[in-house]
Amino acid sequence: MSSPAPTVLVVDDEVDACRNLQDILTDFGYRTDVAFNADDALQSVQRQPYDVVLLDLKMPNVDGLTLYSQIRRCRENASAIVVTAFASAETRQQAQELGVKQVLSKPVDVPVLLGRISDLVGRTSQVTV
């Protein structure tokens, strides 16, 4: 009997970026949902826990770090990776203080992202770099 597929929520206001990551993650055996804004992301997280949440940093109304703080209020053990074009030392420090597991720069290196997700869900990496 196989274990259920790990779950990932991709949150980005760029619809194409969400859909591309969803397609890639699904191809690698993850059950993947998407949210294009903070409200939808919070509703998704309230409905079910995710093994990993991928967060864009710069989104309208609520940034990814603020959203992660809100997610942690309802899912204390939520693991997150921030994927951003605005990865500064200050952003990385703030993310670390909040408990974000990793900050990756856009455009994201897909094999690196898949490796980080695999690490968080306890899977052997499926990608050769």
C-alpha atoms as a PDB file:
ATOM      1  CA  MET A   1       0.000   0.000   0.000  1.00  0.00           C
ATOM      2  CA  SER A   2       1.502   3.311  -1.019  1.00  0.00           C
ATOM      3  CA  SER A   3       1.349   6.431   1.084  1.00  0.00           C
ATOM      4  CA  PRO A   4      -0.719   9.376  -0.126  1.00  0.00           C
ATOM      5  CA  ALA A   5       0.986  11.935  -2.340  1.00  0.00           C
ATOM      6  CA  PRO A   6       2.469  14.890  -0.463  1.00  0.00           C
ATOM      7  CA  THR A   7       0.428  18.063  -0.797  1.00  0.00           C
ATOM      8  CA  VAL A   8       1.688  21.452  -1.955  1.00  0.00           C
ATOM      9  CA  LEU A   9      -0.125  24.789  -2.134  1.00  0.00           C
ATOM     10  CA  VAL A  10       1.330  27.268  -4.638  1.00  0.00           C
ATOM     11  CA  VAL A  11       0.436  30.904  -3.887  1.00  0.00           C
ATOM     12  CA  ASP A  12       1.288  33.538  -6.495  1.00  0.00           C
ATOM     13  CA  ASP A  13      -0.681  36.380  -8.046  1.00  0.00           C
ATOM     14  CA  GLU A  14       0.868  35.488 -11.421  1.00  0.00           C
ATOM     15  CA  VAL A  15      -1.560  32.901 -12.792  1.00  0.00           C
ATOM     16  CA  ASP A  16       0.928  31.471 -15.308  1.00  0.00           C
ATOM     17  CA  ALA A  17       3.602  31.020 -12.621  1.00  0.00           C
ATOM     18  CA  CYS A  18       1.115  29.124 -10.434  1.00  0.00           C
ATOM     19  CA  ARG A  19      -0.075  26.903 -13.243  1.00  0.00           C
ATOM     20  CA  ASN A  20       3.477  26.125 -14.410  1.00  0.00           C
ATOM     21  CA  LEU A  21       4.563  25.108 -10.912  1.00  0.00           C
ATOM     22  CA  GLN A  22       1.379  23.118 -10.455  1.00  0.00           C
ATOM     23  CA  ASP A  23       2.044  21.197 -13.689  1.00  0.00           C
ATOM     24  CA  ILE A  24       5.660  20.473 -12.725  1.00  0.00           C
ATOM     25  CA  LEU A  25       4.816  19.382  -9.182  1.00  0.00           C
ATOM     26  CA  THR A  26       1.947  17.207 -10.364  1.00  0.00           C
ATOM     27  CA  ASP A  27       4.280  15.527 -12.866  1.00  0.00           C
ATOM     28  CA  PHE A  28       6.584  14.687  -9.937  1.00  0.00           C
ATOM     29  CA  GLY A  29       3.828  13.082  -7.895  1.00  0.00           C
ATOM     30  CA  TYR A  30       2.667  15.929  -5.650  1.00  0.00           C
ATOM     31  CA  ARG A  31      -0.983  16.772  -5.139  1.00  0.00           C
ATOM     32  CA  THR A  32      -0.904  20.467  -5.891  1.00  0.00           C
ATOM     33  CA  ASP A  33      -3.431  23.251  -5.384  1.00  0.00           C
ATOM     34  CA  VAL A  34      -3.049  26.889  -6.355  1.00  0.00           C
ATOM     35  CA  ALA A  35      -4.202  30.187  -4.914  1.00  0.00           C
ATOM     36  CA  PHE A  36      -3.808  33.531  -6.656  1.00  0.00           C
ATOM     37  CA  ASN A  37      -4.223  35.704  -3.558  1.00  0.00           C
ATOM     38  CA  ALA A  38      -3.931  35.609   0.214  1.00  0.00           C
ATOM     39  CA  ASP A  39      -7.649  35.159   0.887  1.00  0.00           C
ATOM     40  CA  ASP A  40      -7.883  32.083  -1.319  1.00  0.00           C
ATOM     41  CA  ALA A  41      -4.679  30.692   0.193  1.00  0.00           C
ATOM     42  CA  LEU A  42      -6.023  31.070   3.728  1.00  0.00           C
ATOM     43  CA  GLN A  43      -9.299  29.396   2.774  1.00  0.00           C
ATOM     44  CA  SER A  44      -7.373  26.487   1.270  1.00  0.00           C
ATOM     45  CA  VAL A  45      -5.187  26.098   4.353  1.00  0.00           C
ATOM     46  CA  GLN A  46      -8.217  26.227   6.632  1.00  0.00           C
ATOM     47  CA  ARG A  47      -9.874  23.423   4.641  1.00  0.00           C
ATOM     48  CA  GLN A  48      -6.852  21.127   4.738  1.00  0.00           C
ATOM     49  CA  PRO A  49      -3.232  20.951   5.842  1.00  0.00           C
ATOM     50  CA  TYR A  50      -0.495  21.070   3.204  1.00  0.00           C
ATOM     51  CA  ASP A  51       2.917  19.496   3.502  1.00  0.00           C
ATOM     52  CA  VAL A  52       4.509  22.568   1.889  1.00  0.00           C
ATOM     53  CA  VAL A  53       3.267  26.025   0.940  1.00  0.00           C
ATOM     54  CA  LEU A  54       5.140  27.869  -1.822  1.00  0.00           C
ATOM     55  CA  LEU A  55       4.682  31.607  -1.379  1.00  0.00           C
ATOM     56  CA  ASP A  56       5.399  34.510  -3.668  1.00  0.00           C
ATOM     57  CA  LEU A  57       6.776  37.438  -1.675  1.00  0.00           C
ATOM     58  CA  LYS A  58       5.278  40.406  -3.546  1.00  0.00           C
ATOM     59  CA  MET A  59       1.533  40.114  -3.960  1.00  0.00           C
ATOM     60  CA  PRO A  60      -1.234  42.711  -3.864  1.00  0.00           C
ATOM     61  CA  ASN A  61      -2.652  43.512  -0.423  1.00  0.00           C
ATOM     62  CA  VAL A  62      -0.668  40.940   1.591  1.00  0.00           C
ATOM     63  CA  ASP A  63       2.967  39.963   1.103  1.00  0.00           C
ATOM     64  CA  GLY A  64       4.118  36.362   1.370  1.00  0.00           C
ATOM     65  CA  LEU A  65       5.701  36.739   4.811  1.00  0.00           C
ATOM     66  CA  THR A  66       2.564  38.288   6.294  1.00  0.00           C
ATOM     67  CA  LEU A  67       0.528  35.535   4.684  1.00  0.00           C
ATOM     68  CA  TYR A  68       2.806  32.907   6.201  1.00  0.00           C
ATOM     69  CA  SER A  69       2.223  34.433   9.658  1.00  0.00           C
ATOM     70  CA  GLN A  70      -1.521  34.157   9.050  1.00  0.00           C
ATOM     71  CA  ILE A  71      -1.196  30.576   7.834  1.00  0.00           C
ATOM     72  CA  ARG A  72       0.741  29.631  10.948  1.00  0.00           C
ATOM     73  CA  ARG A  73      -2.143  30.843  13.122  1.00  0.00           C
ATOM     74  CA  CYS A  74      -4.356  28.071  11.773  1.00  0.00           C
ATOM     75  CA  ARG A  75      -1.638  25.531  10.825  1.00  0.00           C
ATOM     76  CA  GLU A  76       1.119  25.883  13.390  1.00  0.00           C
ATOM     77  CA  ASN A  77       3.409  23.343  11.719  1.00  0.00           C
ATOM     78  CA  ALA A  78       3.020  24.655   8.166  1.00  0.00           C
ATOM     79  CA  SER A  79       6.264  24.475   6.177  1.00  0.00           C
ATOM     80  CA  ALA A  80       6.872  27.214   3.630  1.00  0.00           C
ATOM     81  CA  ILE A  81       9.281  28.119   0.885  1.00  0.00           C
ATOM     82  CA  VAL A  82       9.261  31.707  -0.363  1.00  0.00           C
ATOM     83  CA  VAL A  83       9.931  32.094  -4.078  1.00  0.00           C
ATOM     84  CA  THR A  84      10.676  35.690  -5.026  1.00  0.00           C
ATOM     85  CA  ALA A  85      12.421  38.018  -7.433  1.00  0.00           C
ATOM     86  CA  PHE A  86      13.133  40.238  -4.410  1.00  0.00           C
ATOM     87  CA  ALA A  87      15.396  38.024  -2.294  1.00  0.00           C
ATOM     88  CA  SER A  88      17.456  40.397  -0.160  1.00  0.00           C
ATOM     89  CA  ALA A  89      19.449  39.648   2.969  1.00  0.00           C
ATOM     90  CA  GLU A  90      16.756  41.454   4.971  1.00  0.00           C
ATOM     91  CA  THR A  91      13.991  39.348   3.396  1.00  0.00           C
ATOM     92  CA  ARG A  92      15.911  36.158   4.135  1.00  0.00           C
ATOM     93  CA  GLN A  93      16.413  37.245   7.753  1.00  0.00           C
ATOM     94  CA  GLN A  94      12.719  38.093   8.212  1.00  0.00           C
ATOM     95  CA  ALA A  95      11.710  34.800   6.617  1.00  0.00           C
ATOM     96  CA  GLN A  96      14.047  32.831   8.865  1.00  0.00           C
ATOM     97  CA  GLU A  97      12.687  34.569  11.970  1.00  0.00           C
ATOM     98  CA  LEU A  98       9.148  33.572  10.930  1.00  0.00           C
ATOM     99  CA  GLY A  99      10.157  29.962  10.391  1.00  0.00           C
ATOM    100  CA  VAL A 100      10.174  29.903   6.586  1.00  0.00           C
ATOM    101  CA  LYS A 101      12.291  26.924   5.555  1.00  0.00           C
ATOM    102  CA  GLN A 102      13.868  28.433   2.432  1.00  0.00           C
ATOM    103  CA  VAL A 103      13.906  31.555   0.272  1.00  0.00           C
ATOM    104  CA  LEU A 104      14.545  30.885  -3.411  1.00  0.00           C
ATOM    105  CA  SER A 105      15.094  33.477  -6.122  1.00  0.00           C
ATOM    106  CA  LYS A 106      12.989  33.793  -9.259  1.00  0.00           C
ATOM    107  CA  PRO A 107      13.273  32.572 -11.848  1.00  0.00           C
ATOM    108  CA  VAL A 108      13.250  29.458  -9.728  1.00  0.00           C
ATOM    109  CA  ASP A 109      15.701  26.665 -10.421  1.00  0.00           C
ATOM    110  CA  VAL A 110      13.211  23.796 -10.678  1.00  0.00           C
ATOM    111  CA  PRO A 111      15.597  20.969  -9.658  1.00  0.00           C
ATOM    112  CA  VAL A 112      16.618  22.977  -6.573  1.00  0.00           C
ATOM    113  CA  LEU A 113      12.974  23.682  -5.708  1.00  0.00           C
ATOM    114  CA  LEU A 114      12.037  20.027  -6.120  1.00  0.00           C
ATOM    115  CA  GLY A 115      14.961  19.036  -3.907  1.00  0.00           C
ATOM    116  CA  ARG A 116      13.879  21.449  -1.160  1.00  0.00           C
ATOM    117  CA  ILE A 117      10.301  20.218  -1.300  1.00  0.00           C
ATOM    118  CA  SER A 118      11.507  16.597  -1.196  1.00  0.00           C
ATOM    119  CA  ASP A 119      13.591  17.427   1.880  1.00  0.00           C
ATOM    120  CA  LEU A 120      10.586  18.956   3.639  1.00  0.00           C
ATOM    121  CA  VAL A 121       8.268  16.035   2.923  1.00  0.00           C
ATOM    122  CA  GLY A 122      10.878  13.372   3.640  1.00  0.00           C
ATOM    123  CA  ARG A 123      11.091  12.056   0.094  1.00  0.00           C
ATOM    124  CA  THR A 124      14.155  11.006  -1.813  1.00  0.00           C
ATOM    125  CA  SER A 125      14.809  13.635  -4.441  1.00  0.00           C
ATOM    126  CA  GLN A 126      13.489  12.552  -7.819  1.00  0.00           C
ATOM    127  CA  VAL A 127      15.480  14.994  -9.894  1.00  0.00           C
ATOM    128  CA  THR A 128      19.030  14.767 -11.107  1.00  0.00           C
ATOM    129  CA  VAL A 129      20.775  18.114 -11.118  1.00  0.00           C
END
